[in-house]
C-alpha atoms as a PDB file:
ATOM      1  CA  MET A   1    -135.651-150.893-162.843  1.00  0.00           C
ATOM      2  CA  GLY A   2    -135.255-147.495-165.224  1.00  0.00           C
ATOM      3  CA  ILE A   3    -135.805-148.659-169.013  1.00  0.00           C
ATOM      4  CA  ASP A   4    -132.304-146.061-169.915  1.00  0.00           C
ATOM      5  CA  THR A   5    -130.062-147.697-167.284  1.00  0.00           C
ATOM      6  CA  GLU A   6    -131.382-150.756-166.565  1.00  0.00           C
ATOM      7  CA  GLU A   7    -130.525-150.125-162.480  1.00  0.00           C
ATOM      8  CA  SER A   8    -133.263-151.012-159.721  1.00  0.00           C
ATOM      9  CA  ALA A   9    -134.676-147.966-158.145  1.00  0.00           C
ATOM     10  CA  GLU A  10    -132.940-149.137-154.748  1.00  0.00           C
ATOM     11  CA  SER A  11    -129.053-148.497-156.114  1.00  0.00           C
ATOM     12  CA  ALA A  12    -129.650-145.083-157.438  1.00  0.00           C
ATOM     13  CA  ALA A  13    -131.748-143.819-154.832  1.00  0.00           C
ATOM     14  CA  ALA A  14    -128.127-145.246-152.695  1.00  0.00           C
ATOM     15  CA  ARG A  15    -126.026-142.861-155.319  1.00  0.00           C
ATOM     16  CA  PRO A  16    -125.488-139.424-154.646  1.00  0.00           C
ATOM     17  CA  GLU A  17    -126.753-137.091-156.736  1.00  0.00           C
ATOM     18  CA  GLY A  18    -123.547-135.530-158.411  1.00  0.00           C
ATOM     19  CA  ALA A  19    -121.849-139.106-159.078  1.00  0.00           C
ATOM     20  CA  GLU A  20    -123.902-139.589-162.267  1.00  0.00           C
ATOM     21  CA  ALA A  21    -123.026-136.503-163.752  1.00  0.00           C
ATOM     22  CA  GLY A  22    -119.293-137.750-163.660  1.00  0.00           C
ATOM     23  CA  PRO A  23    -119.190-141.263-165.713  1.00  0.00           C
ATOM     24  CA  ALA A  24    -121.922-139.347-168.216  1.00  0.00           C
ATOM     25  CA  PHE A  25    -119.255-136.964-168.698  1.00  0.00           C
ATOM     26  CA  ARG A  26    -116.735-139.012-169.231  1.00  0.00           C
ATOM     27  CA  THR A  27    -118.610-141.393-171.446  1.00  0.00           C
ATOM     28  CA  VAL A  28    -119.634-138.577-173.815  1.00  0.00           C
ATOM     29  CA  PHE A  29    -116.531-136.735-173.701  1.00  0.00           C
ATOM     30  CA  SER A  30    -115.087-140.493-174.874  1.00  0.00           C
ATOM     31  CA  ALA A  31    -117.383-140.364-177.564  1.00  0.00           C
ATOM     32  CA  GLY A  32    -116.537-136.924-178.842  1.00  0.00           C
ATOM     33  CA  ALA A  33    -112.555-138.183-178.800  1.00  0.00           C
ATOM     34  CA  ASP A  34    -113.297-140.826-180.685  1.00  0.00           C
ATOM     35  CA  LEU A  35    -115.553-138.836-183.281  1.00  0.00           C
ATOM     36  CA  VAL A  36    -112.620-136.520-183.724  1.00  0.00           C
ATOM     37  CA  GLN A  37    -110.147-139.141-184.099  1.00  0.00           C
ATOM     38  CA  ALA A  38    -112.420-140.788-186.585  1.00  0.00           C
ATOM     39  CA  LEU A  39    -113.101-137.524-188.492  1.00  0.00           C
ATOM     40  CA  ARG A  40    -109.546-136.720-188.530  1.00  0.00           C
ATOM     41  CA  ARG A  41    -109.174-139.983-190.015  1.00  0.00           C
ATOM     42  CA  VAL A  42    -111.327-139.600-193.130  1.00  0.00           C
ATOM     43  CA  ALA A  43    -110.404-136.361-193.629  1.00  0.00           C
ATOM     44  CA  THR A  44    -106.707-137.991-193.829  1.00  0.00           C
ATOM     45  CA  ALA A  45    -108.034-140.680-196.254  1.00  0.00           C
ATOM     46  CA  LEU A  46    -109.918-138.036-198.458  1.00  0.00           C
ATOM     47  CA  THR A  47    -106.859-135.712-198.345  1.00  0.00           C
ATOM     48  CA  ALA A  48    -104.931-138.884-199.506  1.00  0.00           C
ATOM     49  CA  LEU A  49    -107.495-139.873-202.230  1.00  0.00           C
ATOM     50  CA  LEU A  50    -107.408-136.212-203.787  1.00  0.00           C
ATOM     51  CA  ALA A  51    -103.999-136.683-204.135  1.00  0.00           C
ATOM     52  CA  SER A  52    -104.263-139.841-205.757  1.00  0.00           C
ATOM     53  CA  GLU A  53    -106.645-138.844-207.841  1.00  0.00           C
ATOM     54  CA  VAL A  54    -104.729-135.507-209.081  1.00  0.00           C
ATOM     55  CA  ARG A  55    -101.922-137.372-209.989  1.00  0.00           C
ATOM     56  CA  VAL A  56    -103.786-140.056-212.191  1.00  0.00           C
ATOM     57  CA  LEU A  57    -105.283-136.774-213.588  1.00  0.00           C
ATOM     58  CA  ARG A  58    -102.012-135.396-214.402  1.00  0.00           C
ATOM     59  CA  ALA A  59    -100.797-138.885-216.175  1.00  0.00           C
ATOM     60  CA  SER A  60    -104.188-139.417-217.909  1.00  0.00           C
ATOM     61  CA  VAL A  61    -104.065-135.829-219.879  1.00  0.00           C
ATOM     62  CA  ALA A  62    -101.143-137.085-221.245  1.00  0.00           C
ATOM     63  CA  VAL A  63    -102.486-139.790-222.051  1.00  0.00           C
ATOM     64  CA  VAL A  64    -105.184-138.716-223.489  1.00  0.00           C
ATOM     65  CA  PHE A  65    -103.344-136.258-225.578  1.00  0.00           C
ATOM     66  CA  LEU A  66    -100.567-138.464-226.588  1.00  0.00           C
ATOM     67  CA  GLY A  67    -103.489-141.094-227.695  1.00  0.00           C
ATOM     68  CA  SER A  68    -105.378-138.172-229.734  1.00  0.00           C
ATOM     69  CA  VAL A  69    -102.786-137.265-231.525  1.00  0.00           C
ATOM     70  CA  ALA A  70    -101.894-141.246-232.178  1.00  0.00           C
ATOM     71  CA  LEU A  71    -105.307-141.640-233.164  1.00  0.00           C
ATOM     72  CA  VAL A  72    -105.384-138.391-235.631  1.00  0.00           C
ATOM     73  CA  ALA A  73    -102.387-139.888-237.313  1.00  0.00           C
ATOM     74  CA  PHE A  74    -103.287-143.455-238.047  1.00  0.00           C
ATOM     75  CA  SER A  75    -106.437-142.179-239.298  1.00  0.00           C
ATOM     76  CA  VAL A  76    -104.892-139.571-241.953  1.00  0.00           C
ATOM     77  CA  SER A  77    -102.005-142.870-242.755  1.00  0.00           C
ATOM     78  CA  LEU A  78    -105.344-145.426-243.518  1.00  0.00           C
ATOM     79  CA  TRP A  79    -107.240-142.537-245.138  1.00  0.00           C
ATOM     80  CA  ALA A  80    -103.685-142.138-247.630  1.00  0.00           C
ATOM     81  CA  CYS A  81    -103.751-146.236-247.922  1.00  0.00           C
ATOM     82  CA  ALA A  82    -107.290-145.972-248.934  1.00  0.00           C
ATOM     83  CA  VAL A  83    -107.278-143.330-251.084  1.00  0.00           C
ATOM     84  CA  ALA A  84    -104.046-144.750-252.904  1.00  0.00           C
ATOM     85  CA  LEU A  85    -105.932-148.389-253.184  1.00  0.00           C
ATOM     86  CA  ILE A  86    -109.408-146.784-254.252  1.00  0.00           C
ATOM     87  CA  GLY A  87    -106.721-144.934-256.706  1.00  0.00           C
ATOM     88  CA  TRP A  88    -104.797-147.937-258.607  1.00  0.00           C
ATOM     89  CA  ALA A  89    -108.269-149.315-258.844  1.00  0.00           C
ATOM     90  CA  PHE A  90    -109.692-146.919-260.859  1.00  0.00           C
ATOM     91  CA  VAL A  91    -106.246-146.407-262.712  1.00  0.00           C
ATOM     92  CA  LYS A  92    -106.733-150.163-263.886  1.00  0.00           C
ATOM     93  CA  ALA A  93    -109.886-149.624-263.973  1.00  0.00           C
ATOM     94  CA  THR A  94    -110.121-146.472-266.331  1.00  0.00           C
ATOM     95  CA  GLY A  95    -106.642-147.138-267.991  1.00  0.00           C
ATOM     96  CA  SER A  96    -106.352-143.036-267.243  1.00  0.00           C
ATOM     97  CA  VAL A  97    -104.337-141.561-264.392  1.00  0.00           C
ATOM     98  CA  GLY A  98    -105.828-138.467-265.026  1.00  0.00           C
ATOM     99  CA  PHE A  99    -109.604-140.005-265.376  1.00  0.00           C
ATOM    100  CA  ALA A 100    -109.038-141.901-262.025  1.00  0.00           C
ATOM    101  CA  LEU A 101    -107.662-138.451-260.746  1.00  0.00           C
ATOM    102  CA  GLY A 102    -110.745-136.918-261.339  1.00  0.00           C
ATOM    103  CA  LEU A 103    -112.576-139.202-259.869  1.00  0.00           C
ATOM    104  CA  LEU A 104    -110.718-139.730-256.990  1.00  0.00           C
ATOM    105  CA  VAL A 105    -111.442-135.542-256.619  1.00  0.00           C
ATOM    106  CA  VAL A 106    -115.146-135.718-257.340  1.00  0.00           C
ATOM    107  CA  LEU A 107    -115.297-138.369-254.670  1.00  0.00           C
ATOM    108  CA  HIS A 108    -113.286-136.440-251.980  1.00  0.00           C
ATOM    109  CA  LEU A 109    -115.850-133.260-252.781  1.00  0.00           C
ATOM    110  CA  ILE A 110    -118.600-135.909-251.977  1.00  0.00           C
ATOM    111  CA  LEU A 111    -117.257-136.718-248.934  1.00  0.00           C
ATOM    112  CA  VAL A 112    -116.715-133.685-247.821  1.00  0.00           C
ATOM    113  CA  THR A 113    -119.454-132.313-248.792  1.00  0.00           C
ATOM    114  CA  ALA A 114    -121.685-134.780-246.478  1.00  0.00           C
ATOM    115  CA  LEU A 115    -119.576-134.499-243.766  1.00  0.00           C
ATOM    116  CA  TRP A 116    -119.880-130.550-243.469  1.00  0.00           C
ATOM    117  CA  LEU A 117    -123.895-131.157-244.158  1.00  0.00           C
ATOM    118  CA  ALA A 118    -123.525-133.783-240.731  1.00  0.00           C
ATOM    119  CA  ILE A 119    -121.595-131.658-238.913  1.00  0.00           C
ATOM    120  CA  LYS A 120    -124.319-128.807-239.236  1.00  0.00           C
ATOM    121  CA  ARG A 121    -127.054-131.283-238.316  1.00  0.00           C
ATOM    122  CA  ALA A 122    -124.750-132.292-235.262  1.00  0.00           C
ATOM    123  CA  ILE A 123    -124.247-128.681-234.074  1.00  0.00           C
ATOM    124  CA  HIS A 124    -128.060-128.153-234.799  1.00  0.00           C
ATOM    125  CA  HIS A 125    -128.974-130.828-232.740  1.00  0.00           C
ATOM    126  CA  ALA A 126    -126.156-130.243-229.694  1.00  0.00           C
ATOM    127  CA  THR A 127    -128.109-126.602-229.580  1.00  0.00           C
ATOM    128  CA  PHE A 128    -131.625-128.086-228.407  1.00  0.00           C
ATOM    129  CA  SER A 129    -133.568-125.929-230.837  1.00  0.00           C
ATOM    130  CA  ALA A 130    -136.274-128.069-229.407  1.00  0.00           C
ATOM    131  CA  THR A 131    -135.691-127.441-225.827  1.00  0.00           C
ATOM    132  CA  ARG A 132    -135.582-123.813-226.052  1.00  0.00           C
ATOM    133  CA  THR A 133    -138.523-123.797-227.664  1.00  0.00           C
ATOM    134  CA  GLU A 134    -140.210-125.859-225.176  1.00  0.00           C
ATOM    135  CA  LEU A 135    -138.576-123.321-222.301  1.00  0.00           C
ATOM    136  CA  ARG A 136    -139.538-120.255-224.121  1.00  0.00           C
ATOM    137  CA  ALA A 137    -142.963-120.977-224.581  1.00  0.00           C
ATOM    138  CA  LEU A 138    -143.415-122.402-220.986  1.00  0.00           C
ATOM    139  CA  GLY A 139    -141.830-118.929-220.099  1.00  0.00           C
ATOM    140  CA  ASN A 140    -144.514-116.929-221.746  1.00  0.00           C
ATOM    141  CA  GLU A 141    -147.102-119.001-220.014  1.00  0.00           C
ATOM    142  CA  LEU A 142    -145.072-118.045-216.545  1.00  0.00           C
ATOM    143  CA  ARG A 143    -145.367-114.408-217.787  1.00  0.00           C
ATOM    144  CA  GLY A 144    -149.135-114.955-218.693  1.00  0.00           C
ATOM    145  CA  HIS A 145    -149.549-116.567-215.347  1.00  0.00           C
ATOM    146  CA  VAL A 146    -147.475-113.383-213.083  1.00  0.00           C
ATOM    147  CA  GLU A 147    -149.690-110.413-215.222  1.00  0.00           C
ATOM    148  CA  ARG A 148    -153.104-112.129-214.547  1.00  0.00           C
ATOM    149  CA  PHE A 149    -151.655-112.375-210.601  1.00  0.00           C
ATOM    150  CA  GLN A 150    -150.599-108.952-210.230  1.00  0.00           C
ATOM    151  CA  HIS A 151    -153.810-107.941-211.819  1.00  0.00           C
ATOM    152  CA  ALA A 152    -156.267-109.976-209.796  1.00  0.00           C
ATOM    153  CA  SER A 153    -153.707-108.869-207.024  1.00  0.00           C
ATOM    154  CA  ALA A 154    -154.349-104.945-207.748  1.00  0.00           C
ATOM    155  CA  ALA A 155    -158.100-105.513-208.862  1.00  0.00           C
ATOM    156  CA  GLN A 156    -158.432-106.859-204.949  1.00  0.00           C
ATOM    157  CA  GLU A 157    -156.212-104.205-203.391  1.00  0.00           C
ATOM    158  CA  ARG A 158    -158.640-101.213-205.304  1.00  0.00           C
ATOM    159  CA  GLU A 159    -161.897-103.069-204.034  1.00  0.00           C
ATOM    160  CA  LYS A 160    -160.827-103.069-200.058  1.00  0.00           C
ATOM    161  CA  PRO A 161    -162.183-100.170-198.392  1.00  0.00           C
ATOM    162  CA  PRO A 162    -160.094 -97.691-196.384  1.00  0.00           C
END
């Protein structure tokens, strides 16, 4: 009995030589056709998926843009309300509109300065200065190893007898 085919030796000997090639070819051809059909279905599904992703992306871009505009509008509105309330409180506390406006201006200057410094710090950290320094050091170390290798190989070439 064969391991692959599970057939007895007599039935394999009774069959002519070319008879086995036909069913094996049909099996391989059928498997290949099924594979092509499966690949075609996968390609069709992938195309449909990409098309739907493009539609979602188009819809999402508009929603994100409109959401960003709304967020800015609401933020400015909230800022104006907060400044008005703080100004009103300063007017009530000091009894002077001019002094209250002066306090608001000073508070805004402090806020703008703090935001400016925070943005500068964030940009500094976003540039990965420590990573650049480390990469520069690694590059210098690599150049040193390359030069050492070149000098060693040149010295070895000089030592070889012709």
